[in-house]
C-alpha atoms as a PDB file:
ATOM      1  CA  MET A   1       0.000   0.000   0.000  1.00  0.00           C
ATOM      2  CA  GLN A   2       1.354   3.387  -0.992  1.00  0.00           C
ATOM      3  CA  GLU A   3       1.326   5.928   1.802  1.00  0.00           C
ATOM      4  CA  ARG A   4       0.982   9.695   1.843  1.00  0.00           C
ATOM      5  CA  LYS A   5       2.660  12.215   4.129  1.00  0.00           C
ATOM      6  CA  ARG A   6       0.891  13.356   7.277  1.00  0.00           C
ATOM      7  CA  GLU A   7      -1.863  15.867   6.537  1.00  0.00           C
ATOM      8  CA  PRO A   8      -2.863  19.043   8.441  1.00  0.00           C
ATOM      9  CA  GLU A   9      -5.237  18.479  11.381  1.00  0.00           C
ATOM     10  CA  SER A  10      -8.434  19.547   9.575  1.00  0.00           C
ATOM     11  CA  THR A  11      -7.594  17.272   6.662  1.00  0.00           C
ATOM     12  CA  GLU A  12      -6.778  14.456   9.087  1.00  0.00           C
ATOM     13  CA  ARG A  13     -10.230  14.800  10.577  1.00  0.00           C
ATOM     14  CA  GLU A  14     -11.843  14.711   7.137  1.00  0.00           C
ATOM     15  CA  ILE A  15      -9.820  11.630   6.228  1.00  0.00           C
ATOM     16  CA  HIS A  16     -10.757   9.959   9.515  1.00  0.00           C
ATOM     17  CA  VAL A  17     -14.456  10.685   8.923  1.00  0.00           C
ATOM     18  CA  ALA A  18     -14.233   9.378   5.355  1.00  0.00           C
ATOM     19  CA  LEU A  19     -12.496   6.172   6.450  1.00  0.00           C
ATOM     20  CA  LEU A  20     -15.023   5.679   9.244  1.00  0.00           C
ATOM     21  CA  GLN A  21     -17.954   6.236   6.874  1.00  0.00           C
ATOM     22  CA  ASP A  22     -16.397   3.826   4.387  1.00  0.00           C
ATOM     23  CA  SER A  23     -15.999   1.207   7.105  1.00  0.00           C
ATOM     24  CA  ILE A  24     -19.621   1.610   8.217  1.00  0.00           C
ATOM     25  CA  GLY A  25     -20.784   1.360   4.611  1.00  0.00           C
ATOM     26  CA  LYS A  26     -18.841  -1.867   4.143  1.00  0.00           C
ATOM     27  CA  ILE A  27     -20.433  -3.323   7.288  1.00  0.00           C
ATOM     28  CA  ALA A  28     -23.862  -2.519   5.852  1.00  0.00           C
ATOM     29  CA  LYS A  29     -22.886  -4.189   2.569  1.00  0.00           C
ATOM     30  CA  VAL A  30     -21.847  -7.358   4.426  1.00  0.00           C
ATOM     31  CA  SER A  31     -25.172  -7.365   6.252  1.00  0.00           C
ATOM     32  CA  GLU A  32     -27.117  -6.999   2.992  1.00  0.00           C
ATOM     33  CA  SER A  33     -25.068  -9.747   1.334  1.00  0.00           C
ATOM     34  CA  PHE A  34     -25.597 -12.066   4.290  1.00  0.00           C
ATOM     35  CA  LYS A  35     -29.360 -11.492   4.172  1.00  0.00           C
ATOM     36  CA  ALA A  36     -29.374 -12.243   0.429  1.00  0.00           C
ATOM     37  CA  LEU A  37     -27.538 -15.522   1.063  1.00  0.00           C
ATOM     38  CA  GLN A  38     -29.928 -16.435   3.867  1.00  0.00           C
ATOM     39  CA  ASP A  39     -32.908 -15.738   1.605  1.00  0.00           C
ATOM     40  CA  ALA A  40     -31.447 -17.887  -1.165  1.00  0.00           C
ATOM     41  CA  MET A  41     -30.767 -20.747   1.231  1.00  0.00           C
ATOM     42  CA  ARG A  42     -34.145 -20.510   2.979  1.00  0.00           C
ATOM     43  CA  GLN A  43     -35.914 -21.314  -0.262  1.00  0.00           C
ATOM     44  CA  PHE A  44     -34.205 -24.693  -0.371  1.00  0.00           C
ATOM     45  CA  SER A  45     -33.813 -25.532   3.307  1.00  0.00           C
ATOM     46  CA  SER A  46     -35.495 -28.944   3.119  1.00  0.00           C
ATOM     47  CA  ALA A  47     -34.903 -30.011  -0.455  1.00  0.00           C
ATOM     48  CA  VAL A  48     -32.043 -30.208  -2.893  1.00  0.00           C
ATOM     49  CA  PRO A  49     -32.107 -26.956  -4.879  1.00  0.00           C
ATOM     50  CA  HIS A  50     -32.476 -26.987  -8.631  1.00  0.00           C
ATOM     51  CA  THR A  51     -29.756 -25.575 -10.887  1.00  0.00           C
ATOM     52  CA  ARG A  52     -31.054 -21.994 -10.739  1.00  0.00           C
ATOM     53  CA  GLY A  53     -31.224 -22.231  -6.954  1.00  0.00           C
ATOM     54  CA  ILE A  54     -27.669 -23.515  -6.739  1.00  0.00           C
ATOM     55  CA  ASP A  55     -26.510 -20.668  -8.982  1.00  0.00           C
ATOM     56  CA  ARG A  56     -28.329 -18.135  -6.814  1.00  0.00           C
ATOM     57  CA  ILE A  57     -26.695 -19.533  -3.668  1.00  0.00           C
ATOM     58  CA  LYS A  58     -23.236 -19.499  -5.305  1.00  0.00           C
ATOM     59  CA  ILE A  59     -23.658 -15.894  -6.467  1.00  0.00           C
ATOM     60  CA  ALA A  60     -24.921 -14.753  -3.059  1.00  0.00           C
ATOM     61  CA  SER A  61     -22.051 -16.580  -1.366  1.00  0.00           C
ATOM     62  CA  SER A  62     -19.498 -14.961  -3.678  1.00  0.00           C
ATOM     63  CA  GLU A  63     -20.996 -11.524  -3.060  1.00  0.00           C
ATOM     64  CA  LEU A  64     -20.776 -12.082   0.698  1.00  0.00           C
ATOM     65  CA  PHE A  65     -17.148 -13.202   0.394  1.00  0.00           C
ATOM     66  CA  ILE A  66     -16.249 -10.060  -1.592  1.00  0.00           C
ATOM     67  CA  ALA A  67     -18.179  -7.761   0.759  1.00  0.00           C
ATOM     68  CA  HIS A  68     -16.403  -9.322   3.748  1.00  0.00           C
ATOM     69  CA  ALA A  69     -12.969  -8.840   2.175  1.00  0.00           C
ATOM     70  CA  GLU A  70     -13.802  -5.195   1.376  1.00  0.00           C
ATOM     71  CA  MET A  71     -14.989  -4.664   4.952  1.00  0.00           C
ATOM     72  CA  LEU A  72     -11.752  -6.095   6.346  1.00  0.00           C
ATOM     73  CA  GLN A  73      -9.731  -3.805   4.071  1.00  0.00           C
ATOM     74  CA  ALA A  74     -11.765  -0.769   5.156  1.00  0.00           C
ATOM     75  CA  HIS A  75     -11.247  -1.670   8.818  1.00  0.00           C
ATOM     76  CA  GLN A  76      -7.519  -2.117   8.256  1.00  0.00           C
ATOM     77  CA  SER A  77      -7.246   1.259   6.502  1.00  0.00           C
ATOM     78  CA  LEU A  78      -9.082   2.935   9.389  1.00  0.00           C
ATOM     79  CA  LYS A  79      -6.889   1.166  11.954  1.00  0.00           C
ATOM     80  CA  ASP A  80      -3.682   2.081  10.099  1.00  0.00           C
ATOM     81  CA  PHE A  81      -4.759   5.710   9.983  1.00  0.00           C
ATOM     82  CA  GLU A  82      -5.728   5.834  13.659  1.00  0.00           C
ATOM     83  CA  ILE A  83      -2.598   4.091  14.933  1.00  0.00           C
ATOM     84  CA  ARG A  84       0.141   5.150  12.508  1.00  0.00           C
ATOM     85  CA  GLY A  85      -1.378   8.110  10.685  1.00  0.00           C
ATOM     86  CA  THR A  86      -1.048   6.185   7.427  1.00  0.00           C
ATOM     87  CA  VAL A  87      -3.273   7.596   4.701  1.00  0.00           C
ATOM     88  CA  PRO A  88      -4.279   5.009   2.093  1.00  0.00           C
ATOM     89  CA  ALA A  89      -3.219   5.787  -1.469  1.00  0.00           C
ATOM     90  CA  THR A  90      -6.821   5.405  -2.556  1.00  0.00           C
ATOM     91  CA  LEU A  91      -9.171   7.205  -0.223  1.00  0.00           C
ATOM     92  CA  PRO A  92     -12.838   6.241   0.000  1.00  0.00           C
ATOM     93  CA  ALA A  93     -15.207   7.886  -2.460  1.00  0.00           C
ATOM     94  CA  ALA A  94     -16.342  10.323   0.238  1.00  0.00           C
ATOM     95  CA  MET A  95     -12.919  12.005   0.192  1.00  0.00           C
ATOM     96  CA  THR A  96     -12.941  12.661  -3.524  1.00  0.00           C
ATOM     97  CA  GLY A  97     -15.677  15.200  -2.865  1.00  0.00           C
ATOM     98  CA  ALA A  98     -14.254  16.574   0.382  1.00  0.00           C
ATOM     99  CA  ALA A  99     -16.504  19.606   0.039  1.00  0.00           C
ATOM    100  CA  GLU A 100     -19.468  17.271   0.489  1.00  0.00           C
ATOM    101  CA  LEU A 101     -18.186  16.094   3.869  1.00  0.00           C
ATOM    102  CA  ARG A 102     -19.846  17.781   6.811  1.00  0.00           C
ATOM    103  CA  ILE A 103     -18.017  17.456  10.100  1.00  0.00           C
ATOM    104  CA  SER A 104     -20.071  18.362  13.144  1.00  0.00           C
END
């Protein structure tokens, strides 16, 4: 991971907020993916699923796996920033429009 130099305090706060929002968004995505997998599996809980059902379960499982990996990466980026002050080379989408960020 490429790192940037330490930013001024106001920018650090904006980065921290963006990383935190990204992490929360990834948690929500994992939750949605998990619910989709549960729904797919519930339809076939007592019988062997047909081909379309198996495909739906595989897709939902893959989406959950990807969402989980993205969540772990977001958590790691937040942790690295909080502990070491490391700014990820690619900031979450929220930072690209820093003017849109509102810090209370």
